[in-house]
Amino acid sequence: MTEKQRAAAATEALKKEYPEAVCSLDYTDPLQLLVATRLSAQCTDARVNLVTPELFEKYPDVNAFAHAELADVESVVRPCGFFHTKAADIIEMSRQIIERFDGRVPDNIDDLISLQGVGRKTANLIVGDIYGKPAVVADTHLIRITNLLGLVATKDPKKVEFKLKELLDPAESNDFCHRCVLHGRAVCVARRPACEKCFMYEFCRNSPKKQR
């Protein structure tokens, strides 16, 4: 089985097992997803979802965030960890969106990663989930699972992103990433993967069957 064939097999298997490929962060507009993703760094999505209702009620749009007091934002996002840096990034990125993009969250990777605190993972999530463009969100679940499957052989997020862009159907790539997150939480759990329950057991390069 070639890498392309394994990628296609994984895509179809994941689609069948997790038909609802959705982001686990709660949001109603592009800025909210951008903010929530920034808060999710080294923090669970579940915890972020507990914090953002108050945050988005207090700061309903980009202008509110841009003019917010740092200490006030910090007090709300404190449970997400690294609250000083995250709060400062959210305020500054909001100012940059107003000053450079007329208050609209950019729709491309290059402009997004030019914003304070926004990396390629976040940029790909926005491009894929908000603007419907092909994207690869190289989070920890995706990196781990695609290494195990034998689709990539690196832990470097950017290298994983570009390798998967070569292997995956562009129309499926964004959903593939969401489904890998779901699979990483439900079955292929770090340090204790349930290989015997995995529907990709037969073609996974690191399944016990392949290692015999």
C-alpha atoms as a PDB file:
ATOM      1  CA  MET A   1       0.000   0.000   0.000  1.00  0.00           C
ATOM      2  CA  THR A   2       1.452   3.358  -1.029  1.00  0.00           C
ATOM      3  CA  GLU A   3       1.284   6.459   1.167  1.00  0.00           C
ATOM      4  CA  LYS A   4      -1.446   7.873  -1.076  1.00  0.00           C
ATOM      5  CA  GLN A   5      -3.453   4.662  -0.814  1.00  0.00           C
ATOM      6  CA  ARG A   6      -3.030   4.553   2.968  1.00  0.00           C
ATOM      7  CA  ALA A   7      -4.100   8.197   3.211  1.00  0.00           C
ATOM      8  CA  ALA A   8      -7.200   7.464   1.143  1.00  0.00           C
ATOM      9  CA  ALA A   9      -8.012   4.402   3.242  1.00  0.00           C
ATOM     10  CA  ALA A  10      -7.632   6.376   6.456  1.00  0.00           C
ATOM     11  CA  THR A  11      -9.785   9.188   5.078  1.00  0.00           C
ATOM     12  CA  GLU A  12     -12.638   6.823   4.240  1.00  0.00           C
ATOM     13  CA  ALA A  13     -12.365   4.859   7.496  1.00  0.00           C
ATOM     14  CA  LEU A  14     -12.401   8.016   9.603  1.00  0.00           C
ATOM     15  CA  LYS A  15     -15.314   9.434   7.621  1.00  0.00           C
ATOM     16  CA  LYS A  16     -17.352   6.305   8.258  1.00  0.00           C
ATOM     17  CA  GLU A  17     -16.554   6.211  11.988  1.00  0.00           C
ATOM     18  CA  TYR A  18     -16.898   9.962  12.640  1.00  0.00           C
ATOM     19  CA  PRO A  19     -19.368  11.362  10.095  1.00  0.00           C
ATOM     20  CA  GLU A  20     -19.714  14.611  12.042  1.00  0.00           C
ATOM     21  CA  ALA A  21     -16.328  16.249  11.577  1.00  0.00           C
ATOM     22  CA  VAL A  22     -16.696  19.357  13.708  1.00  0.00           C
ATOM     23  CA  CYS A  23     -14.398  21.587  15.671  1.00  0.00           C
ATOM     24  CA  SER A  24     -14.750  21.010  19.402  1.00  0.00           C
ATOM     25  CA  LEU A  25     -14.393  24.715  20.210  1.00  0.00           C
ATOM     26  CA  ASP A  26     -17.605  26.730  20.573  1.00  0.00           C
ATOM     27  CA  TYR A  27     -17.888  29.875  18.446  1.00  0.00           C
ATOM     28  CA  THR A  28     -20.356  31.860  16.354  1.00  0.00           C
ATOM     29  CA  ASP A  29     -18.071  34.003  14.177  1.00  0.00           C
ATOM     30  CA  PRO A  30     -14.490  34.050  12.817  1.00  0.00           C
ATOM     31  CA  LEU A  31     -13.072  36.210  15.591  1.00  0.00           C
ATOM     32  CA  GLN A  32     -14.512  33.985  18.290  1.00  0.00           C
ATOM     33  CA  LEU A  33     -12.854  30.933  16.738  1.00  0.00           C
ATOM     34  CA  LEU A  34      -9.574  32.822  16.465  1.00  0.00           C
ATOM     35  CA  VAL A  35      -9.733  33.840  20.132  1.00  0.00           C
ATOM     36  CA  ALA A  36     -10.840  30.408  21.325  1.00  0.00           C
ATOM     37  CA  THR A  37      -8.014  28.736  19.415  1.00  0.00           C
ATOM     38  CA  ARG A  38      -5.473  31.080  20.971  1.00  0.00           C
ATOM     39  CA  LEU A  39      -6.816  30.175  24.410  1.00  0.00           C
ATOM     40  CA  SER A  40      -6.644  26.450  23.614  1.00  0.00           C
ATOM     41  CA  ALA A  41      -2.832  26.389  23.481  1.00  0.00           C
ATOM     42  CA  GLN A  42      -1.713  24.022  26.271  1.00  0.00           C
ATOM     43  CA  CYS A  43      -5.292  23.919  27.498  1.00  0.00           C
ATOM     44  CA  THR A  44      -8.193  21.573  26.801  1.00  0.00           C
ATOM     45  CA  ASP A  45     -10.971  22.622  24.455  1.00  0.00           C
ATOM     46  CA  ALA A  46     -13.455  21.693  27.177  1.00  0.00           C
ATOM     47  CA  ARG A  47     -11.947  24.234  29.565  1.00  0.00           C
ATOM     48  CA  VAL A  48     -11.836  26.896  26.860  1.00  0.00           C
ATOM     49  CA  ASN A  49     -15.535  26.330  26.194  1.00  0.00           C
ATOM     50  CA  LEU A  50     -16.247  27.015  29.866  1.00  0.00           C
ATOM     51  CA  VAL A  51     -14.404  30.339  29.713  1.00  0.00           C
ATOM     52  CA  THR A  52     -15.478  31.784  26.365  1.00  0.00           C
ATOM     53  CA  PRO A  53     -19.203  32.405  27.073  1.00  0.00           C
ATOM     54  CA  GLU A  54     -18.293  35.055  29.661  1.00  0.00           C
ATOM     55  CA  LEU A  55     -15.448  36.376  27.494  1.00  0.00           C
ATOM     56  CA  PHE A  56     -17.582  36.754  24.367  1.00  0.00           C
ATOM     57  CA  GLU A  57     -20.441  38.330  26.289  1.00  0.00           C
ATOM     58  CA  LYS A  58     -18.077  40.906  27.767  1.00  0.00           C
ATOM     59  CA  TYR A  59     -16.276  41.505  24.456  1.00  0.00           C
ATOM     60  CA  PRO A  60     -18.811  40.921  21.646  1.00  0.00           C
ATOM     61  CA  ASP A  61     -16.709  42.144  18.708  1.00  0.00           C
ATOM     62  CA  VAL A  62     -13.239  43.077  17.525  1.00  0.00           C
ATOM     63  CA  ASN A  63     -13.553  46.679  18.686  1.00  0.00           C
ATOM     64  CA  ALA A  64     -14.429  45.598  22.217  1.00  0.00           C
ATOM     65  CA  PHE A  65     -11.365  43.327  22.357  1.00  0.00           C
ATOM     66  CA  ALA A  66      -9.099  45.971  20.841  1.00  0.00           C
ATOM     67  CA  HIS A  67     -10.048  48.493  23.518  1.00  0.00           C
ATOM     68  CA  ALA A  68     -10.121  46.051  26.432  1.00  0.00           C
ATOM     69  CA  GLU A  69      -8.022  46.486  29.553  1.00  0.00           C
ATOM     70  CA  LEU A  70      -5.381  43.787  29.801  1.00  0.00           C
ATOM     71  CA  ALA A  71      -6.112  43.030  33.453  1.00  0.00           C
ATOM     72  CA  ASP A  72      -9.813  42.608  32.719  1.00  0.00           C
ATOM     73  CA  VAL A  73      -9.199  40.080  29.935  1.00  0.00           C
ATOM     74  CA  GLU A  74      -6.648  38.285  32.105  1.00  0.00           C
ATOM     75  CA  SER A  75      -9.187  37.861  34.873  1.00  0.00           C
ATOM     76  CA  VAL A  76     -11.572  36.057  32.535  1.00  0.00           C
ATOM     77  CA  VAL A  77      -9.067  33.824  30.708  1.00  0.00           C
ATOM     78  CA  ARG A  78      -6.976  32.933  33.768  1.00  0.00           C
ATOM     79  CA  PRO A  79      -8.349  29.341  33.951  1.00  0.00           C
ATOM     80  CA  CYS A  80      -6.866  28.631  30.496  1.00  0.00           C
ATOM     81  CA  GLY A  81      -3.302  29.062  31.735  1.00  0.00           C
ATOM     82  CA  PHE A  82      -0.599  31.441  30.457  1.00  0.00           C
ATOM     83  CA  PHE A  83      -3.305  34.061  30.868  1.00  0.00           C
ATOM     84  CA  HIS A  84      -1.051  37.119  30.643  1.00  0.00           C
ATOM     85  CA  THR A  85       0.408  36.190  27.266  1.00  0.00           C
ATOM     86  CA  LYS A  86      -2.905  34.953  25.883  1.00  0.00           C
ATOM     87  CA  ALA A  87      -4.799  38.073  26.975  1.00  0.00           C
ATOM     88  CA  ALA A  88      -2.128  40.373  25.538  1.00  0.00           C
ATOM     89  CA  ASP A  89      -2.126  38.456  22.241  1.00  0.00           C
ATOM     90  CA  ILE A  90      -5.917  38.619  21.934  1.00  0.00           C
ATOM     91  CA  ILE A  91      -5.969  42.372  22.447  1.00  0.00           C
ATOM     92  CA  GLU A  92      -3.076  43.017  20.063  1.00  0.00           C
ATOM     93  CA  MET A  93      -4.384  40.698  17.328  1.00  0.00           C
ATOM     94  CA  SER A  94      -7.725  42.509  17.526  1.00  0.00           C
ATOM     95  CA  ARG A  95      -5.995  45.860  17.081  1.00  0.00           C
ATOM     96  CA  GLN A  96      -4.077  44.490  14.111  1.00  0.00           C
ATOM     97  CA  ILE A  97      -7.247  43.138  12.510  1.00  0.00           C
ATOM     98  CA  ILE A  98      -8.793  46.609  12.738  1.00  0.00           C
ATOM     99  CA  GLU A  99      -5.701  48.497  11.602  1.00  0.00           C
ATOM    100  CA  ARG A 100      -4.616  46.214   8.762  1.00  0.00           C
ATOM    101  CA  PHE A 101      -7.679  44.222   7.703  1.00  0.00           C
ATOM    102  CA  ASP A 102     -10.598  46.625   8.201  1.00  0.00           C
ATOM    103  CA  GLY A 103     -11.883  44.644  11.158  1.00  0.00           C
ATOM    104  CA  ARG A 104     -12.237  41.373   9.223  1.00  0.00           C
ATOM    105  CA  VAL A 105     -10.406  38.185  10.156  1.00  0.00           C
ATOM    106  CA  PRO A 106      -8.112  37.381   7.183  1.00  0.00           C
ATOM    107  CA  ASP A 107      -8.930  34.445   4.917  1.00  0.00           C
ATOM    108  CA  ASN A 108      -5.399  33.256   4.074  1.00  0.00           C
ATOM    109  CA  ILE A 109      -2.476  31.688   5.921  1.00  0.00           C
ATOM    110  CA  ASP A 110       0.081  34.426   5.286  1.00  0.00           C
ATOM    111  CA  ASP A 111      -2.096  37.241   6.634  1.00  0.00           C
ATOM    112  CA  LEU A 112      -3.287  35.177   9.582  1.00  0.00           C
ATOM    113  CA  ILE A 113       0.190  34.213  10.776  1.00  0.00           C
ATOM    114  CA  SER A 114       1.168  37.888  10.639  1.00  0.00           C
ATOM    115  CA  LEU A 115      -1.219  38.485  13.564  1.00  0.00           C
ATOM    116  CA  GLN A 116       0.054  38.497  17.130  1.00  0.00           C
ATOM    117  CA  GLY A 117       0.020  35.005  18.638  1.00  0.00           C
ATOM    118  CA  VAL A 118      -1.301  33.232  15.539  1.00  0.00           C
ATOM    119  CA  GLY A 119       0.653  30.231  14.249  1.00  0.00           C
ATOM    120  CA  ARG A 120       0.110  27.916  11.308  1.00  0.00           C
ATOM    121  CA  LYS A 121      -2.145  25.541  13.250  1.00  0.00           C
ATOM    122  CA  THR A 122      -4.550  28.330  14.138  1.00  0.00           C
ATOM    123  CA  ALA A 123      -4.330  29.854  10.669  1.00  0.00           C
ATOM    124  CA  ASN A 124      -5.210  26.542   9.014  1.00  0.00           C
ATOM    125  CA  LEU A 125      -8.173  26.078  11.327  1.00  0.00           C
ATOM    126  CA  ILE A 126      -9.554  29.501  10.399  1.00  0.00           C
ATOM    127  CA  VAL A 127      -8.934  28.998   6.682  1.00  0.00           C
ATOM    128  CA  GLY A 128     -10.577  25.570   6.733  1.00  0.00           C
ATOM    129  CA  ASP A 129     -13.468  25.971   9.162  1.00  0.00           C
ATOM    130  CA  ILE A 130     -14.418  29.571   8.444  1.00  0.00           C
ATOM    131  CA  TYR A 131     -13.548  30.053   4.798  1.00  0.00           C
ATOM    132  CA  GLY A 132     -13.949  26.484   3.534  1.00  0.00           C
ATOM    133  CA  LYS A 133     -10.519  26.254   1.924  1.00  0.00           C
ATOM    134  CA  PRO A 134      -8.289  23.145   1.994  1.00  0.00           C
ATOM    135  CA  ALA A 135      -6.341  23.107   5.247  1.00  0.00           C
ATOM    136  CA  VAL A 136      -4.304  20.833   7.497  1.00  0.00           C
ATOM    137  CA  VAL A 137      -4.450  21.608  11.209  1.00  0.00           C
ATOM    138  CA  ALA A 138      -1.322  19.940  12.595  1.00  0.00           C
ATOM    139  CA  ASP A 139      -2.270  19.516  16.231  1.00  0.00           C
ATOM    140  CA  THR A 140      -0.825  16.882  18.570  1.00  0.00           C
ATOM    141  CA  HIS A 141      -3.467  14.246  17.749  1.00  0.00           C
ATOM    142  CA  LEU A 142      -2.978  14.609  13.999  1.00  0.00           C
ATOM    143  CA  ILE A 143       0.804  14.476  14.293  1.00  0.00           C
ATOM    144  CA  ARG A 144       0.748  11.384  16.494  1.00  0.00           C
ATOM    145  CA  ILE A 145      -1.848   9.449  14.516  1.00  0.00           C
ATOM    146  CA  THR A 146      -0.424  10.168  11.077  1.00  0.00           C
ATOM    147  CA  ASN A 147       3.012   9.106  12.309  1.00  0.00           C
ATOM    148  CA  LEU A 148       1.541   5.843  13.594  1.00  0.00           C
ATOM    149  CA  LEU A 149      -0.313   5.268  10.339  1.00  0.00           C
ATOM    150  CA  GLY A 150       2.910   5.756   8.410  1.00  0.00           C
ATOM    151  CA  LEU A 151       1.738   8.818   6.493  1.00  0.00           C
ATOM    152  CA  VAL A 152       4.467  11.025   7.939  1.00  0.00           C
ATOM    153  CA  ALA A 153       7.756  10.422   9.725  1.00  0.00           C
ATOM    154  CA  THR A 154       8.278  13.654  11.601  1.00  0.00           C
ATOM    155  CA  LYS A 155       6.945  15.478  14.656  1.00  0.00           C
ATOM    156  CA  ASP A 156       7.560  18.901  13.103  1.00  0.00           C
ATOM    157  CA  PRO A 157       4.099  20.498  12.651  1.00  0.00           C
ATOM    158  CA  LYS A 158       4.972  22.412   9.485  1.00  0.00           C
ATOM    159  CA  LYS A 159       6.518  19.346   7.839  1.00  0.00           C
ATOM    160  CA  VAL A 160       3.468  17.277   8.792  1.00  0.00           C
ATOM    161  CA  GLU A 161       1.180  19.938   7.337  1.00  0.00           C
ATOM    162  CA  PHE A 162       2.969  20.070   3.992  1.00  0.00           C
ATOM    163  CA  LYS A 163       3.385  16.292   3.708  1.00  0.00           C
ATOM    164  CA  LEU A 164      -0.319  15.705   4.366  1.00  0.00           C
ATOM    165  CA  LYS A 165      -1.226  18.366   1.820  1.00  0.00           C
ATOM    166  CA  GLU A 166       0.570  16.169  -0.715  1.00  0.00           C
ATOM    167  CA  LEU A 167      -1.220  12.994   0.367  1.00  0.00           C
ATOM    168  CA  LEU A 168      -4.775  14.025   1.223  1.00  0.00           C
ATOM    169  CA  ASP A 169      -7.623  14.945  -1.071  1.00  0.00           C
ATOM    170  CA  PRO A 170      -7.853  18.744  -0.589  1.00  0.00           C
ATOM    171  CA  ALA A 171     -11.627  18.504  -0.272  1.00  0.00           C
ATOM    172  CA  GLU A 172     -11.224  16.061   2.638  1.00  0.00           C
ATOM    173  CA  SER A 173      -8.171  17.441   4.411  1.00  0.00           C
ATOM    174  CA  ASN A 174      -9.853  19.747   6.916  1.00  0.00           C
ATOM    175  CA  ASP A 175     -12.393  17.133   8.019  1.00  0.00           C
ATOM    176  CA  PHE A 176      -9.631  14.512   8.158  1.00  0.00           C
ATOM    177  CA  CYS A 177      -7.882  16.622  10.798  1.00  0.00           C
ATOM    178  CA  HIS A 178     -11.021  17.013  12.926  1.00  0.00           C
ATOM    179  CA  ARG A 179     -11.661  13.284  12.715  1.00  0.00           C
ATOM    180  CA  CYS A 180      -8.103  12.494  13.808  1.00  0.00           C
ATOM    181  CA  VAL A 181      -8.700  14.617  16.911  1.00  0.00           C
ATOM    182  CA  LEU A 182     -11.875  12.663  17.668  1.00  0.00           C
ATOM    183  CA  HIS A 183     -10.072   9.369  17.094  1.00  0.00           C
ATOM    184  CA  GLY A 184      -7.161  10.455  19.250  1.00  0.00           C
ATOM    185  CA  ARG A 185      -9.511  11.135  22.135  1.00  0.00           C
ATOM    186  CA  ALA A 186     -11.691   8.055  21.726  1.00  0.00           C
ATOM    187  CA  VAL A 187      -9.412   5.220  20.573  1.00  0.00           C
ATOM    188  CA  CYS A 188      -5.837   6.090  19.636  1.00  0.00           C
ATOM    189  CA  VAL A 189      -5.118   7.705  22.973  1.00  0.00           C
ATOM    190  CA  ALA A 190      -1.551   8.788  23.684  1.00  0.00           C
ATOM    191  CA  ARG A 191       0.393   6.229  25.777  1.00  0.00           C
ATOM    192  CA  ARG A 192      -2.527   3.770  25.753  1.00  0.00           C
ATOM    193  CA  PRO A 193      -3.893   3.318  22.228  1.00  0.00           C
ATOM    194  CA  ALA A 194      -6.693   0.757  21.963  1.00  0.00           C
ATOM    195  CA  CYS A 195      -5.333  -0.900  18.820  1.00  0.00           C
ATOM    196  CA  GLU A 196      -7.647  -3.896  19.169  1.00  0.00           C
ATOM    197  CA  LYS A 197     -10.638  -1.557  18.812  1.00  0.00           C
ATOM    198  CA  CYS A 198      -9.208   0.513  15.969  1.00  0.00           C
ATOM    199  CA  PHE A 199     -10.946   0.359  12.582  1.00  0.00           C
ATOM    200  CA  MET A 200      -7.603   1.261  10.926  1.00  0.00           C
ATOM    201  CA  TYR A 201      -5.837  -1.730  12.483  1.00  0.00           C
ATOM    202  CA  GLU A 202      -5.345  -3.573   9.192  1.00  0.00           C
ATOM    203  CA  PHE A 203      -3.422  -0.834   7.426  1.00  0.00           C
ATOM    204  CA  CYS A 204      -1.837   1.095  10.312  1.00  0.00           C
ATOM    205  CA  ARG A 205       1.940   0.746  10.048  1.00  0.00           C
ATOM    206  CA  ASN A 206       2.290   0.601  13.838  1.00  0.00           C
ATOM    207  CA  SER A 207      -0.507  -1.776  14.749  1.00  0.00           C
ATOM    208  CA  PRO A 208       0.616  -4.854  16.761  1.00  0.00           C
ATOM    209  CA  LYS A 209      -0.220  -6.972  13.709  1.00  0.00           C
ATOM    210  CA  LYS A 210       2.292  -5.059  11.591  1.00  0.00           C
ATOM    211  CA  GLN A 211       4.975  -5.277  14.273  1.00  0.00           C
ATOM    212  CA  ARG A 212       4.978  -9.083  14.577  1.00  0.00           C
END
